[in-house]
């Protein structure tokens, strides 16, 4: 089962985002990462905008997102590219 729906549900529950895009980039890493080739579920990019991020540093925003997705890292997520968009 793909992590994508679980990632989406966790981010929506934690941040109620006005924008949430989740891109599975595992296929881009299959040549040098055997796990990415086998599971297709190791590398993701998210673009997110939520009012709860307003006024917080990028480090703080990323820490909150990583904490919300700890279960995904525990399940084999290897890399997460995070783009926090300003605005609601």
N, C-alpha and C. Protein backbone atom coordinates (compact mmCIF):
# COMPACT_ATOMS: atom_id res chain seq x y z
N UNK A 1 0.84 -1.18 0.00
CA UNK A 1 0.00 0.00 0.00
C UNK A 1 0.89 1.25 0.00
N UNK A 2 0.55 2.19 -0.80
CA UNK A 2 1.29 3.43 -0.91
C UNK A 2 1.15 4.28 0.35
N UNK A 3 2.22 4.99 0.67
CA UNK A 3 2.19 5.91 1.81
C UNK A 3 1.43 7.19 1.49
N UNK A 4 1.23 7.48 0.21
CA UNK A 4 0.66 8.77 -0.17
C UNK A 4 -0.68 9.09 0.52
N UNK A 5 -1.66 8.20 0.53
CA UNK A 5 -2.92 8.54 1.19
C UNK A 5 -2.74 8.77 2.70
N UNK A 6 -1.83 8.04 3.31
CA UNK A 6 -1.59 8.21 4.74
C UNK A 6 -0.89 9.54 5.00
N UNK A 7 0.03 9.92 4.13
CA UNK A 7 0.72 11.21 4.25
C UNK A 7 -0.30 12.33 4.11
N UNK A 8 -1.16 12.22 3.11
CA UNK A 8 -2.20 13.24 2.89
C UNK A 8 -3.10 13.38 4.11
N UNK A 9 -3.57 12.27 4.62
CA UNK A 9 -4.48 12.30 5.78
C UNK A 9 -3.79 12.92 7.00
N UNK A 10 -2.54 12.56 7.23
CA UNK A 10 -1.82 13.10 8.39
C UNK A 10 -1.60 14.60 8.27
N UNK A 11 -1.22 15.07 7.08
CA UNK A 11 -0.99 16.50 6.89
C UNK A 11 -2.30 17.29 6.96
N UNK A 12 -3.36 16.73 6.40
CA UNK A 12 -4.66 17.42 6.48
C UNK A 12 -5.14 17.51 7.93
N UNK A 13 -4.95 16.45 8.69
CA UNK A 13 -5.38 16.45 10.09
C UNK A 13 -4.55 17.41 10.94
N UNK A 14 -3.27 17.46 10.67
CA UNK A 14 -2.37 18.27 11.51
C UNK A 14 -2.43 19.76 11.18
N UNK A 15 -2.64 20.10 9.89
CA UNK A 15 -2.46 21.50 9.48
C UNK A 15 -3.66 22.13 8.77
N UNK A 16 -4.67 21.36 8.41
CA UNK A 16 -5.81 21.87 7.65
C UNK A 16 -5.33 22.80 6.53
N UNK A 17 -4.51 22.29 5.62
CA UNK A 17 -3.90 23.14 4.60
C UNK A 17 -4.91 23.66 3.58
N UNK A 18 -4.63 24.87 3.09
CA UNK A 18 -5.42 25.42 1.99
C UNK A 18 -4.86 24.93 0.66
N UNK A 19 -3.62 24.47 0.67
CA UNK A 19 -2.98 23.89 -0.51
C UNK A 19 -2.19 22.68 -0.03
N UNK A 20 -2.35 21.57 -0.72
CA UNK A 20 -1.55 20.38 -0.42
C UNK A 20 -1.35 19.60 -1.70
N UNK A 21 -0.10 19.54 -2.13
CA UNK A 21 0.29 18.72 -3.28
C UNK A 21 1.32 17.72 -2.81
N UNK A 22 1.12 16.48 -3.19
CA UNK A 22 2.04 15.41 -2.82
C UNK A 22 2.50 14.74 -4.11
N UNK A 23 3.81 14.74 -4.30
CA UNK A 23 4.39 14.15 -5.52
C UNK A 23 5.32 13.02 -5.12
N UNK A 24 5.06 11.84 -5.64
CA UNK A 24 5.92 10.69 -5.40
C UNK A 24 7.08 10.76 -6.39
N UNK A 25 8.29 10.98 -5.88
CA UNK A 25 9.48 11.09 -6.73
C UNK A 25 10.38 9.86 -6.62
N UNK A 26 9.86 8.78 -6.09
CA UNK A 26 10.66 7.57 -5.88
C UNK A 26 11.26 7.05 -7.19
N UNK A 27 10.52 7.15 -8.27
CA UNK A 27 11.01 6.65 -9.55
C UNK A 27 12.27 7.38 -10.00
N UNK A 28 12.46 8.62 -9.56
CA UNK A 28 13.64 9.39 -9.94
C UNK A 28 14.90 8.89 -9.24
N UNK A 29 14.72 8.07 -8.21
CA UNK A 29 15.85 7.60 -7.40
C UNK A 29 16.08 6.10 -7.53
N UNK A 30 15.32 5.45 -8.36
CA UNK A 30 15.40 3.99 -8.48
C UNK A 30 16.77 3.52 -8.97
N UNK A 31 17.45 4.33 -9.78
CA UNK A 31 18.75 3.93 -10.32
C UNK A 31 19.84 3.81 -9.28
N UNK A 32 19.74 4.55 -8.19
CA UNK A 32 20.78 4.51 -7.17
C UNK A 32 20.27 4.06 -5.80
N UNK A 33 18.98 3.76 -5.73
CA UNK A 33 18.41 3.35 -4.45
C UNK A 33 17.55 2.11 -4.67
N UNK A 34 18.08 0.94 -4.33
CA UNK A 34 17.33 -0.30 -4.57
C UNK A 34 15.96 -0.33 -3.90
N UNK A 35 15.85 0.28 -2.71
CA UNK A 35 14.56 0.30 -2.02
C UNK A 35 13.54 1.11 -2.80
N UNK A 36 13.98 2.24 -3.39
CA UNK A 36 13.08 3.05 -4.20
C UNK A 36 12.59 2.26 -5.40
N UNK A 37 13.48 1.51 -5.99
CA UNK A 37 13.10 0.70 -7.14
C UNK A 37 12.12 -0.40 -6.75
N UNK A 38 12.29 -0.96 -5.57
CA UNK A 38 11.45 -2.07 -5.13
C UNK A 38 10.08 -1.61 -4.64
N UNK A 39 10.05 -0.53 -3.87
CA UNK A 39 8.79 -0.14 -3.23
C UNK A 39 8.08 1.02 -3.91
N UNK A 40 8.82 1.83 -4.64
CA UNK A 40 8.24 3.03 -5.28
C UNK A 40 7.58 3.93 -4.23
N UNK A 41 8.12 3.96 -3.02
CA UNK A 41 7.46 4.67 -1.93
C UNK A 41 8.47 5.25 -0.94
N UNK A 42 9.58 5.78 -1.45
CA UNK A 42 10.66 6.21 -0.57
C UNK A 42 10.95 7.72 -0.63
N UNK A 43 10.58 8.37 -1.71
CA UNK A 43 10.93 9.78 -1.90
C UNK A 43 9.67 10.57 -2.30
N UNK A 44 9.35 11.57 -1.50
CA UNK A 44 8.18 12.41 -1.78
C UNK A 44 8.55 13.88 -1.73
N UNK A 45 7.78 14.67 -2.43
CA UNK A 45 7.85 16.13 -2.38
C UNK A 45 6.46 16.60 -1.99
N UNK A 46 6.41 17.52 -1.02
CA UNK A 46 5.12 18.11 -0.67
C UNK A 46 5.19 19.62 -0.84
N UNK A 47 4.11 20.16 -1.30
CA UNK A 47 3.89 21.61 -1.34
C UNK A 47 2.67 21.86 -0.48
N UNK A 48 2.85 22.71 0.51
CA UNK A 48 1.78 22.90 1.48
C UNK A 48 1.68 24.36 1.88
N UNK A 49 0.46 24.80 2.09
CA UNK A 49 0.20 26.13 2.63
C UNK A 49 -0.86 25.98 3.70
N UNK A 50 -0.57 26.55 4.87
CA UNK A 50 -1.52 26.49 5.98
C UNK A 50 -1.31 27.70 6.86
N UNK A 51 -2.39 28.23 7.38
CA UNK A 51 -2.29 29.42 8.23
C UNK A 51 -1.47 29.15 9.49
N UNK A 52 -1.39 27.92 9.93
CA UNK A 52 -0.63 27.59 11.14
C UNK A 52 0.87 27.80 10.96
N UNK A 53 1.33 27.93 9.73
CA UNK A 53 2.76 28.15 9.47
C UNK A 53 3.13 29.64 9.49
N UNK A 54 2.15 30.52 9.50
CA UNK A 54 2.40 31.96 9.45
C UNK A 54 3.30 32.40 10.60
N UNK A 55 4.32 33.16 10.27
CA UNK A 55 5.22 33.72 11.26
C UNK A 55 6.25 32.76 11.83
N UNK A 56 6.23 31.52 11.39
CA UNK A 56 7.19 30.53 11.88
C UNK A 56 8.37 30.43 10.93
N UNK A 57 9.53 30.13 11.48
CA UNK A 57 10.72 29.95 10.66
C UNK A 57 10.58 28.70 9.80
N UNK A 58 11.36 28.65 8.75
CA UNK A 58 11.35 27.47 7.88
C UNK A 58 11.72 26.22 8.67
N UNK A 59 12.70 26.35 9.56
CA UNK A 59 13.11 25.21 10.38
C UNK A 59 11.94 24.72 11.23
N UNK A 60 11.23 25.62 11.85
CA UNK A 60 10.08 25.25 12.68
C UNK A 60 8.99 24.58 11.83
N UNK A 61 8.71 25.14 10.67
CA UNK A 61 7.70 24.55 9.77
C UNK A 61 8.09 23.12 9.40
N UNK A 62 9.34 22.93 9.03
CA UNK A 62 9.81 21.61 8.60
C UNK A 62 9.79 20.62 9.76
N UNK A 63 10.15 21.08 10.95
CA UNK A 63 10.11 20.20 12.12
C UNK A 63 8.69 19.72 12.40
N UNK A 64 7.73 20.63 12.28
CA UNK A 64 6.33 20.25 12.52
C UNK A 64 5.85 19.23 11.49
N UNK A 65 6.21 19.45 10.24
CA UNK A 65 5.82 18.52 9.17
C UNK A 65 6.48 17.16 9.38
N UNK A 66 7.78 17.16 9.67
CA UNK A 66 8.48 15.90 9.90
C UNK A 66 7.89 15.16 11.10
N UNK A 67 7.52 15.87 12.14
CA UNK A 67 6.90 15.22 13.31
C UNK A 67 5.57 14.58 12.93
N UNK A 68 4.78 15.28 12.12
CA UNK A 68 3.48 14.75 11.70
C UNK A 68 3.64 13.51 10.83
N UNK A 69 4.79 13.40 10.16
CA UNK A 69 5.02 12.28 9.24
C UNK A 69 6.01 11.26 9.79
N UNK A 70 6.25 11.27 11.08
CA UNK A 70 7.19 10.32 11.68
C UNK A 70 6.81 8.88 11.32
N UNK A 71 5.54 8.58 11.33
CA UNK A 71 5.09 7.23 10.99
C UNK A 71 5.56 6.82 9.60
N UNK A 72 5.60 7.77 8.66
CA UNK A 72 6.00 7.46 7.29
C UNK A 72 7.50 7.16 7.22
N UNK A 73 8.30 7.92 7.96
CA UNK A 73 9.72 7.63 8.01
C UNK A 73 9.95 6.26 8.64
N UNK A 74 9.19 5.96 9.68
CA UNK A 74 9.30 4.64 10.32
C UNK A 74 8.90 3.52 9.36
N UNK A 75 8.03 3.83 8.38
CA UNK A 75 7.54 2.84 7.42
C UNK A 75 8.40 2.76 6.16
N UNK A 76 9.49 3.54 6.09
CA UNK A 76 10.38 3.43 4.94
C UNK A 76 10.55 4.67 4.10
N UNK A 77 9.86 5.75 4.43
CA UNK A 77 10.10 7.01 3.71
C UNK A 77 11.55 7.41 3.94
N UNK A 78 12.26 7.65 2.86
CA UNK A 78 13.69 7.94 2.93
C UNK A 78 13.99 9.43 2.81
N UNK A 79 13.23 10.12 1.97
CA UNK A 79 13.50 11.54 1.72
C UNK A 79 12.19 12.28 1.50
N UNK A 80 12.15 13.50 2.05
CA UNK A 80 10.97 14.34 1.92
C UNK A 80 11.42 15.75 1.57
N UNK A 81 11.06 16.21 0.39
CA UNK A 81 11.32 17.59 0.00
C UNK A 81 10.09 18.40 0.39
N UNK A 82 10.30 19.49 1.11
CA UNK A 82 9.20 20.28 1.64
C UNK A 82 9.24 21.68 1.07
N UNK A 83 8.12 22.10 0.51
CA UNK A 83 7.97 23.47 0.04
C UNK A 83 6.75 24.06 0.75
N UNK A 84 6.99 24.99 1.66
CA UNK A 84 5.90 25.66 2.35
C UNK A 84 5.61 26.94 1.58
N UNK A 85 4.39 27.05 1.09
CA UNK A 85 3.96 28.20 0.32
C UNK A 85 3.35 29.24 1.25
N UNK A 86 3.65 30.49 0.99
CA UNK A 86 3.06 31.55 1.81
C UNK A 86 1.62 31.78 1.40
N UNK A 87 0.87 32.36 2.29
CA UNK A 87 -0.54 32.62 2.02
C UNK A 87 -1.41 31.52 2.54
N UNK A 88 -2.70 31.66 2.34
CA UNK A 88 -3.64 30.65 2.78
C UNK A 88 -4.15 29.96 1.58
